[in-house]
């Protein structure tokens, strides 16, 4: 939800999202992955991706910051860069970029 909110802010577009509980989405994604493997079809959702996203991972980058002096970029900047790259490389239509297309 936080990430889609940032994408909405960056693009100036109103993006509708729906939250699906982990207990429901994981079995659905597993079945899609199984069917996709049998039919040799690639679906936009697969079990490994859903599993990772629903893990609620937390990261501690203090050792990296201290040892190498690296500081993580703000999520907003990363999303802006990712969307621009996706448009430049033809992964998404530039029209979907909203305010970022200008």
N, C-alpha and C. Protein backbone atom coordinates (compact mmCIF):
# COMPACT_ATOMS: atom_id res chain seq x y z
N UNK A 1 0.83 -1.20 0.00
CA UNK A 1 0.00 0.00 0.00
C UNK A 1 0.87 1.26 0.00
N UNK A 2 1.96 1.24 0.78
CA UNK A 2 2.84 2.41 0.82
C UNK A 2 3.47 2.66 -0.54
N UNK A 3 3.91 1.60 -1.19
CA UNK A 3 4.57 1.75 -2.48
C UNK A 3 3.59 2.25 -3.53
N UNK A 4 2.39 1.72 -3.57
CA UNK A 4 1.41 2.18 -4.56
C UNK A 4 1.00 3.62 -4.29
N UNK A 5 0.97 4.01 -3.02
CA UNK A 5 0.69 5.41 -2.68
C UNK A 5 1.77 6.33 -3.24
N UNK A 6 3.02 5.91 -3.15
CA UNK A 6 4.12 6.70 -3.71
C UNK A 6 4.06 6.75 -5.23
N UNK A 7 3.73 5.64 -5.86
CA UNK A 7 3.59 5.62 -7.32
C UNK A 7 2.47 6.57 -7.73
N UNK A 8 1.39 6.56 -7.00
CA UNK A 8 0.28 7.47 -7.28
C UNK A 8 0.71 8.92 -7.14
N UNK A 9 1.47 9.23 -6.09
CA UNK A 9 1.97 10.60 -5.90
C UNK A 9 2.91 11.01 -7.02
N UNK A 10 3.83 10.12 -7.38
CA UNK A 10 4.82 10.43 -8.41
C UNK A 10 4.18 10.67 -9.78
N UNK A 11 3.19 9.86 -10.11
CA UNK A 11 2.57 9.95 -11.43
C UNK A 11 1.41 10.92 -11.47
N UNK A 12 0.88 11.26 -10.29
CA UNK A 12 -0.30 12.12 -10.24
C UNK A 12 -1.57 11.39 -10.65
N UNK A 13 -1.48 10.08 -10.71
CA UNK A 13 -2.64 9.26 -11.10
C UNK A 13 -3.28 8.64 -9.88
N UNK A 14 -4.59 8.48 -9.94
CA UNK A 14 -5.31 7.81 -8.87
C UNK A 14 -5.31 6.32 -9.16
N UNK A 15 -4.53 5.57 -8.40
CA UNK A 15 -4.41 4.14 -8.62
C UNK A 15 -5.20 3.39 -7.56
N UNK A 16 -6.10 2.55 -8.01
CA UNK A 16 -6.92 1.79 -7.08
C UNK A 16 -6.21 0.48 -6.74
N UNK A 17 -6.17 0.17 -5.48
CA UNK A 17 -5.55 -1.08 -5.03
C UNK A 17 -6.49 -1.82 -4.10
N UNK A 18 -6.27 -3.09 -4.00
CA UNK A 18 -7.03 -3.93 -3.08
C UNK A 18 -6.05 -4.80 -2.33
N UNK A 19 -6.20 -4.86 -1.04
CA UNK A 19 -5.34 -5.75 -0.25
C UNK A 19 -5.98 -7.12 -0.17
N UNK A 20 -5.16 -8.13 -0.38
CA UNK A 20 -5.61 -9.51 -0.29
C UNK A 20 -4.84 -10.16 0.84
N UNK A 21 -5.54 -10.82 1.76
CA UNK A 21 -4.83 -11.44 2.88
C UNK A 21 -3.83 -12.49 2.41
N UNK A 22 -2.74 -12.59 3.14
CA UNK A 22 -1.68 -13.54 2.83
C UNK A 22 -2.21 -14.97 2.71
N UNK A 23 -3.11 -15.37 3.63
CA UNK A 23 -3.62 -16.73 3.62
C UNK A 23 -4.42 -17.03 2.35
N UNK A 24 -4.89 -16.00 1.65
CA UNK A 24 -5.66 -16.20 0.42
C UNK A 24 -4.78 -16.09 -0.83
N UNK A 25 -3.89 -15.11 -0.86
CA UNK A 25 -3.11 -14.86 -2.07
C UNK A 25 -2.03 -15.93 -2.30
N UNK A 26 -1.44 -16.45 -1.24
CA UNK A 26 -0.37 -17.44 -1.43
C UNK A 26 -0.87 -18.71 -2.13
N UNK A 27 -1.97 -19.32 -1.68
CA UNK A 27 -2.45 -20.52 -2.40
C UNK A 27 -2.87 -20.20 -3.84
N UNK A 28 -3.45 -19.02 -4.06
CA UNK A 28 -3.85 -18.64 -5.41
C UNK A 28 -2.62 -18.51 -6.31
N UNK A 29 -1.57 -17.87 -5.81
CA UNK A 29 -0.34 -17.70 -6.58
C UNK A 29 0.33 -19.05 -6.83
N UNK A 30 0.29 -19.93 -5.85
CA UNK A 30 0.87 -21.26 -6.02
C UNK A 30 0.17 -22.00 -7.16
N UNK A 31 -1.17 -21.92 -7.18
CA UNK A 31 -1.93 -22.58 -8.24
C UNK A 31 -1.62 -21.97 -9.61
N UNK A 32 -1.51 -20.64 -9.67
CA UNK A 32 -1.15 -19.99 -10.93
C UNK A 32 0.23 -20.42 -11.41
N UNK A 33 1.17 -20.52 -10.49
CA UNK A 33 2.51 -20.97 -10.86
C UNK A 33 2.48 -22.40 -11.39
N UNK A 34 1.71 -23.25 -10.75
CA UNK A 34 1.58 -24.64 -11.19
C UNK A 34 0.95 -24.71 -12.58
N UNK A 35 -0.15 -24.00 -12.77
CA UNK A 35 -0.83 -23.98 -14.07
C UNK A 35 0.09 -23.39 -15.14
N UNK A 36 0.77 -22.31 -14.81
CA UNK A 36 1.69 -21.69 -15.76
C UNK A 36 2.80 -22.63 -16.18
N UNK A 37 3.31 -23.39 -15.22
CA UNK A 37 4.35 -24.36 -15.54
C UNK A 37 3.85 -25.48 -16.44
N UNK A 38 2.64 -25.94 -16.18
CA UNK A 38 2.07 -27.02 -16.99
C UNK A 38 1.75 -26.55 -18.41
N UNK A 39 1.21 -25.33 -18.52
CA UNK A 39 0.81 -24.80 -19.82
C UNK A 39 1.91 -24.00 -20.52
N UNK A 40 3.02 -23.82 -19.81
CA UNK A 40 4.12 -22.99 -20.33
C UNK A 40 3.65 -21.57 -20.64
N UNK A 41 2.90 -21.02 -19.67
CA UNK A 41 2.39 -19.66 -19.76
C UNK A 41 2.97 -18.86 -18.59
N UNK A 42 3.35 -17.62 -18.86
CA UNK A 42 3.88 -16.78 -17.80
C UNK A 42 2.78 -15.82 -17.34
N UNK A 43 2.39 -15.95 -16.09
CA UNK A 43 1.39 -15.05 -15.51
C UNK A 43 2.10 -13.89 -14.81
N UNK A 44 1.42 -12.75 -14.67
CA UNK A 44 2.06 -11.60 -14.02
C UNK A 44 2.29 -11.82 -12.52
N UNK A 45 1.71 -12.85 -11.97
CA UNK A 45 1.86 -13.16 -10.55
C UNK A 45 2.35 -14.60 -10.43
N UNK A 46 3.32 -14.82 -9.56
CA UNK A 46 3.78 -16.19 -9.33
C UNK A 46 4.05 -16.37 -7.84
N UNK A 47 4.13 -17.63 -7.44
CA UNK A 47 4.27 -17.92 -6.01
C UNK A 47 5.52 -17.34 -5.39
N UNK A 48 6.70 -17.49 -5.98
CA UNK A 48 7.89 -16.94 -5.32
C UNK A 48 7.79 -15.42 -5.09
N UNK A 49 7.25 -14.70 -6.05
CA UNK A 49 7.11 -13.24 -5.88
C UNK A 49 6.14 -12.91 -4.76
N UNK A 50 5.01 -13.59 -4.76
CA UNK A 50 4.00 -13.34 -3.71
C UNK A 50 4.56 -13.71 -2.34
N UNK A 51 5.28 -14.81 -2.26
CA UNK A 51 5.86 -15.24 -0.98
C UNK A 51 6.80 -14.16 -0.44
N UNK A 52 7.68 -13.66 -1.28
CA UNK A 52 8.65 -12.65 -0.84
C UNK A 52 7.95 -11.38 -0.39
N UNK A 53 6.98 -10.93 -1.17
CA UNK A 53 6.27 -9.68 -0.86
C UNK A 53 5.46 -9.79 0.42
N UNK A 54 4.97 -10.98 0.73
CA UNK A 54 4.12 -11.15 1.91
C UNK A 54 4.90 -11.54 3.17
N UNK A 55 6.22 -11.54 3.11
CA UNK A 55 7.05 -11.91 4.25
C UNK A 55 7.18 -10.82 5.30
N UNK A 56 6.88 -9.58 4.95
CA UNK A 56 7.07 -8.45 5.87
C UNK A 56 8.53 -8.41 6.35
N UNK A 57 9.43 -8.47 5.40
CA UNK A 57 10.86 -8.45 5.72
C UNK A 57 11.30 -7.12 6.30
N UNK A 58 12.24 -7.18 7.20
CA UNK A 58 12.87 -5.99 7.76
C UNK A 58 14.37 -6.13 7.55
N UNK A 59 15.02 -5.03 7.25
CA UNK A 59 16.45 -5.07 6.98
C UNK A 59 17.18 -4.06 7.86
N UNK A 60 18.35 -4.43 8.28
CA UNK A 60 19.21 -3.53 9.05
C UNK A 60 20.46 -3.27 8.20
N UNK A 61 20.57 -2.05 7.69
CA UNK A 61 21.69 -1.72 6.83
C UNK A 61 22.79 -0.96 7.58
N UNK A 62 22.77 -0.99 8.90
CA UNK A 62 23.74 -0.22 9.68
C UNK A 62 25.18 -0.66 9.41
N UNK A 63 25.42 -1.96 9.23
CA UNK A 63 26.79 -2.43 8.97
C UNK A 63 27.29 -1.91 7.62
N UNK A 64 26.44 -1.90 6.63
CA UNK A 64 26.82 -1.38 5.31
C UNK A 64 27.12 0.10 5.37
N UNK A 65 26.26 0.82 6.10
CA UNK A 65 26.48 2.27 6.23
C UNK A 65 27.79 2.55 6.95
N UNK A 66 28.04 1.82 8.02
CA UNK A 66 29.25 2.05 8.81
C UNK A 66 30.51 1.61 8.08
N UNK A 67 30.48 0.41 7.49
CA UNK A 67 31.69 -0.14 6.88
C UNK A 67 32.03 0.50 5.53
N UNK A 68 31.02 0.75 4.72
CA UNK A 68 31.27 1.25 3.37
C UNK A 68 30.85 2.70 3.16
N UNK A 69 30.14 3.26 4.12
CA UNK A 69 29.67 4.63 3.98
C UNK A 69 28.54 4.78 2.98
N UNK A 70 27.87 3.67 2.67
CA UNK A 70 26.76 3.71 1.72
C UNK A 70 25.46 4.01 2.45
N UNK A 71 24.67 4.87 1.86
CA UNK A 71 23.38 5.22 2.43
C UNK A 71 22.31 4.85 1.41
N UNK A 72 21.28 4.17 1.85
CA UNK A 72 20.20 3.77 0.96
C UNK A 72 19.47 4.99 0.41
N UNK A 73 19.11 4.91 -0.84
CA UNK A 73 18.34 5.99 -1.46
C UNK A 73 16.91 5.93 -0.95
N UNK A 74 16.24 7.08 -0.84
CA UNK A 74 14.84 7.07 -0.42
C UNK A 74 13.98 6.27 -1.41
N UNK A 75 12.98 5.58 -0.90
CA UNK A 75 12.11 4.76 -1.74
C UNK A 75 11.49 5.58 -2.86
N UNK A 76 11.11 6.81 -2.56
CA UNK A 76 10.49 7.69 -3.57
C UNK A 76 11.43 7.86 -4.77
N UNK A 77 12.71 8.10 -4.53
CA UNK A 77 13.69 8.27 -5.61
C UNK A 77 13.87 6.98 -6.40
N UNK A 78 13.92 5.86 -5.69
CA UNK A 78 14.08 4.56 -6.36
C UNK A 78 12.89 4.25 -7.26
N UNK A 79 11.68 4.52 -6.78
CA UNK A 79 10.49 4.27 -7.59
C UNK A 79 10.46 5.18 -8.81
N UNK A 80 10.80 6.43 -8.65
CA UNK A 80 10.83 7.37 -9.78
C UNK A 80 11.82 6.87 -10.83
N UNK A 81 13.02 6.49 -10.40
CA UNK A 81 14.03 5.98 -11.32
C UNK A 81 13.56 4.69 -12.00
N UNK A 82 12.94 3.80 -11.24
CA UNK A 82 12.45 2.53 -11.79
C UNK A 82 11.37 2.77 -12.84
N UNK A 83 10.43 3.65 -12.56
CA UNK A 83 9.36 3.94 -13.52
C UNK A 83 9.93 4.56 -14.79
N UNK A 84 10.87 5.47 -14.64
CA UNK A 84 11.49 6.08 -15.81
C UNK A 84 12.23 5.04 -16.65
N UNK A 85 12.96 4.15 -15.99
CA UNK A 85 13.67 3.09 -16.71
C UNK A 85 12.69 2.18 -17.45
N UNK A 86 11.59 1.81 -16.76
CA UNK A 86 10.60 0.93 -17.38
C UNK A 86 9.99 1.58 -18.63
N UNK A 87 9.74 2.88 -18.58
CA UNK A 87 9.19 3.58 -19.75
C UNK A 87 10.23 3.65 -20.87
N UNK A 88 11.48 4.00 -20.53
CA UNK A 88 12.55 4.11 -21.53
C UNK A 88 12.81 2.78 -22.23
N UNK A 89 12.73 1.69 -21.47
CA UNK A 89 13.04 0.38 -22.04
C UNK A 89 11.82 -0.30 -22.65
N UNK A 90 10.67 0.38 -22.66
CA UNK A 90 9.48 -0.17 -23.29
C UNK A 90 8.72 -1.18 -22.45
N UNK A 91 9.04 -1.27 -21.16
CA UNK A 91 8.34 -2.22 -20.29
C UNK A 91 6.93 -1.74 -19.97
N UNK A 92 6.76 -0.41 -19.91
CA UNK A 92 5.43 0.17 -19.71
C UNK A 92 5.26 1.33 -20.70
N UNK A 93 4.02 1.61 -21.04
CA UNK A 93 3.70 2.71 -21.95
C UNK A 93 3.96 4.04 -21.26
N UNK A 94 4.61 4.95 -21.94
CA UNK A 94 4.95 6.27 -21.39
C UNK A 94 3.70 7.00 -20.91
N UNK A 95 2.56 6.76 -21.54
CA UNK A 95 1.31 7.41 -21.14
C UNK A 95 0.88 7.04 -19.72
N UNK A 96 1.29 5.88 -19.28
CA UNK A 96 0.96 5.45 -17.92
C UNK A 96 1.74 6.20 -16.85
N UNK A 97 2.75 6.94 -17.29
CA UNK A 97 3.63 7.65 -16.37
C UNK A 97 3.00 8.90 -15.76
N UNK A 98 1.91 9.37 -16.33
CA UNK A 98 1.27 10.56 -15.79
C UNK A 98 2.23 11.74 -15.71
N UNK A 99 2.35 12.33 -14.54
CA UNK A 99 3.18 13.51 -14.34
C UNK A 99 4.66 13.24 -14.62
N UNK A 100 5.11 12.00 -14.49
CA UNK A 100 6.52 11.69 -14.75
C UNK A 100 6.85 11.70 -16.24
N UNK A 101 5.83 11.62 -17.09
CA UNK A 101 6.06 11.59 -18.54
C UNK A 101 6.48 12.96 -19.08
N UNK A 102 6.20 13.99 -18.32
CA UNK A 102 6.52 15.35 -18.79
C UNK A 102 8.00 15.63 -18.78
